[in-house]
């Protein structure tokens, strides 16, 4: 499990990205790089990192489900993910 502070930091970054999205787009369209540099660093969407919704794990993230590979495997084995069945042959 990731630390709660790391999860909170990602949520905070996501809010900043959303808040400054229009302003950032306007600065980029005008070519105003000085204005862009004055925006907060964390308002840049590049700084967002995908994390598992359940555990907060940053690696092994599966976009289609929004969870990490480990959590996915556990949930698939328990039958908690609709339409996913563990293969056996």
C-alpha atoms as a PDB file:
ATOM      1  CA  UNK A   1       0.000   0.000   0.000  1.00  0.00           C
ATOM      2  CA  UNK A   2       1.182   3.471  -0.863  1.00  0.00           C
ATOM      3  CA  UNK A   3       1.407   6.097   1.823  1.00  0.00           C
ATOM      4  CA  UNK A   4      -1.715   8.188   2.207  1.00  0.00           C
ATOM      5  CA  UNK A   5       0.372  11.320   1.646  1.00  0.00           C
ATOM      6  CA  UNK A   6       1.378  10.083  -1.821  1.00  0.00           C
ATOM      7  CA  UNK A   7      -2.234   9.409  -2.742  1.00  0.00           C
ATOM      8  CA  UNK A   8      -3.237  12.845  -1.469  1.00  0.00           C
ATOM      9  CA  UNK A   9      -0.428  14.479  -3.438  1.00  0.00           C
ATOM     10  CA  UNK A  10      -1.693  12.900  -6.660  1.00  0.00           C
ATOM     11  CA  UNK A  11      -5.232  14.097  -5.954  1.00  0.00           C
ATOM     12  CA  UNK A  12      -3.918  17.607  -5.317  1.00  0.00           C
ATOM     13  CA  UNK A  13      -1.974  17.551  -8.593  1.00  0.00           C
ATOM     14  CA  UNK A  14      -5.058  16.401 -10.498  1.00  0.00           C
ATOM     15  CA  UNK A  15      -7.056  19.333  -9.082  1.00  0.00           C
ATOM     16  CA  UNK A  16      -4.332  21.808 -10.080  1.00  0.00           C
ATOM     17  CA  UNK A  17      -4.181  20.404 -13.611  1.00  0.00           C
ATOM     18  CA  UNK A  18      -7.937  20.816 -13.979  1.00  0.00           C
ATOM     19  CA  UNK A  19      -7.887  24.328 -12.497  1.00  0.00           C
ATOM     20  CA  UNK A  20      -5.185  25.689 -14.815  1.00  0.00           C
ATOM     21  CA  UNK A  21      -6.113  23.683 -17.940  1.00  0.00           C
ATOM     22  CA  UNK A  22      -7.767  26.579 -19.831  1.00  0.00           C
ATOM     23  CA  UNK A  23      -5.124  29.119 -18.869  1.00  0.00           C
ATOM     24  CA  UNK A  24      -2.321  26.751 -19.864  1.00  0.00           C
ATOM     25  CA  UNK A  25      -3.964  26.113 -23.260  1.00  0.00           C
ATOM     26  CA  UNK A  26      -4.340  29.859 -23.879  1.00  0.00           C
ATOM     27  CA  UNK A  27      -0.690  30.553 -23.024  1.00  0.00           C
ATOM     28  CA  UNK A  28       0.431  27.718 -25.302  1.00  0.00           C
ATOM     29  CA  UNK A  29      -1.715  28.971 -28.201  1.00  0.00           C
ATOM     30  CA  UNK A  30      -0.289  32.487 -27.846  1.00  0.00           C
ATOM     31  CA  UNK A  31       3.261  31.189 -27.479  1.00  0.00           C
ATOM     32  CA  UNK A  32       3.588  32.979 -24.130  1.00  0.00           C
ATOM     33  CA  UNK A  33       6.225  30.837 -22.452  1.00  0.00           C
ATOM     34  CA  UNK A  34       6.858  33.405 -19.730  1.00  0.00           C
ATOM     35  CA  UNK A  35       3.222  33.107 -18.689  1.00  0.00           C
ATOM     36  CA  UNK A  36       3.484  29.317 -18.783  1.00  0.00           C
ATOM     37  CA  UNK A  37       6.542  29.380 -16.557  1.00  0.00           C
ATOM     38  CA  UNK A  38       4.646  31.413 -13.953  1.00  0.00           C
ATOM     39  CA  UNK A  39       2.003  28.716 -13.524  1.00  0.00           C
ATOM     40  CA  UNK A  40       2.516  26.207 -10.696  1.00  0.00           C
ATOM     41  CA  UNK A  41       4.715  23.243 -11.630  1.00  0.00           C
ATOM     42  CA  UNK A  42       2.135  20.739 -10.518  1.00  0.00           C
ATOM     43  CA  UNK A  43      -0.443  22.215 -12.905  1.00  0.00           C
ATOM     44  CA  UNK A  44       1.382  20.499 -15.766  1.00  0.00           C
ATOM     45  CA  UNK A  45      -0.443  17.282 -16.783  1.00  0.00           C
ATOM     46  CA  UNK A  46       2.915  15.573 -17.401  1.00  0.00           C
ATOM     47  CA  UNK A  47       3.478  15.474 -13.640  1.00  0.00           C
ATOM     48  CA  UNK A  48       0.417  13.280 -13.037  1.00  0.00           C
ATOM     49  CA  UNK A  49       1.151   9.620 -12.416  1.00  0.00           C
ATOM     50  CA  UNK A  50      -1.368   6.800 -12.742  1.00  0.00           C
ATOM     51  CA  UNK A  51      -1.940   4.985  -9.458  1.00  0.00           C
ATOM     52  CA  UNK A  52      -4.023   2.000  -8.450  1.00  0.00           C
ATOM     53  CA  UNK A  53      -7.365   3.212  -7.084  1.00  0.00           C
ATOM     54  CA  UNK A  54      -7.342   0.619  -4.337  1.00  0.00           C
ATOM     55  CA  UNK A  55      -3.728   0.333  -3.141  1.00  0.00           C
ATOM     56  CA  UNK A  56      -2.138   3.463  -4.617  1.00  0.00           C
ATOM     57  CA  UNK A  57       0.621   1.406  -6.266  1.00  0.00           C
ATOM     58  CA  UNK A  58       2.318   3.497  -8.996  1.00  0.00           C
ATOM     59  CA  UNK A  59       3.776   0.630 -11.035  1.00  0.00           C
ATOM     60  CA  UNK A  60       2.055  -2.111 -12.974  1.00  0.00           C
ATOM     61  CA  UNK A  61      -1.001   0.075 -13.590  1.00  0.00           C
ATOM     62  CA  UNK A  62      -3.654  -1.267 -15.986  1.00  0.00           C
ATOM     63  CA  UNK A  63      -5.471   1.660 -17.620  1.00  0.00           C
ATOM     64  CA  UNK A  64      -8.467  -0.349 -18.745  1.00  0.00           C
ATOM     65  CA  UNK A  65      -9.361  -1.201 -15.139  1.00  0.00           C
ATOM     66  CA  UNK A  66      -7.652   1.600 -13.183  1.00  0.00           C
ATOM     67  CA  UNK A  67      -5.909  -0.811 -10.823  1.00  0.00           C
ATOM     68  CA  UNK A  68      -2.485  -2.418 -10.486  1.00  0.00           C
ATOM     69  CA  UNK A  69      -1.658  -5.837 -11.898  1.00  0.00           C
ATOM     70  CA  UNK A  70      -1.468  -7.390  -8.442  1.00  0.00           C
ATOM     71  CA  UNK A  71      -4.867  -6.082  -7.380  1.00  0.00           C
ATOM     72  CA  UNK A  72      -6.273  -7.104 -10.757  1.00  0.00           C
ATOM     73  CA  UNK A  73      -5.065 -10.670 -10.333  1.00  0.00           C
ATOM     74  CA  UNK A  74      -6.496 -10.947  -6.826  1.00  0.00           C
ATOM     75  CA  UNK A  75      -9.859  -9.523  -7.873  1.00  0.00           C
ATOM     76  CA  UNK A  76     -10.030 -11.671 -11.028  1.00  0.00           C
ATOM     77  CA  UNK A  77      -9.355 -14.815  -8.986  1.00  0.00           C
ATOM     78  CA  UNK A  78     -12.174 -13.893  -6.609  1.00  0.00           C
ATOM     79  CA  UNK A  79     -14.511 -13.145  -9.529  1.00  0.00           C
ATOM     80  CA  UNK A  80     -14.966  -9.487  -8.606  1.00  0.00           C
ATOM     81  CA  UNK A  81     -14.262  -8.101 -12.093  1.00  0.00           C
ATOM     82  CA  UNK A  82     -17.180  -8.612 -14.484  1.00  0.00           C
ATOM     83  CA  UNK A  83     -16.276 -10.339 -17.754  1.00  0.00           C
ATOM     84  CA  UNK A  84     -12.837 -11.477 -16.591  1.00  0.00           C
ATOM     85  CA  UNK A  85     -12.154 -15.127 -15.946  1.00  0.00           C
ATOM     86  CA  UNK A  86      -8.871 -16.690 -14.923  1.00  0.00           C
ATOM     87  CA  UNK A  87      -7.570 -18.952 -17.665  1.00  0.00           C
ATOM     88  CA  UNK A  88      -6.774 -22.589 -16.986  1.00  0.00           C
ATOM     89  CA  UNK A  89      -5.766 -25.234 -19.513  1.00  0.00           C
END
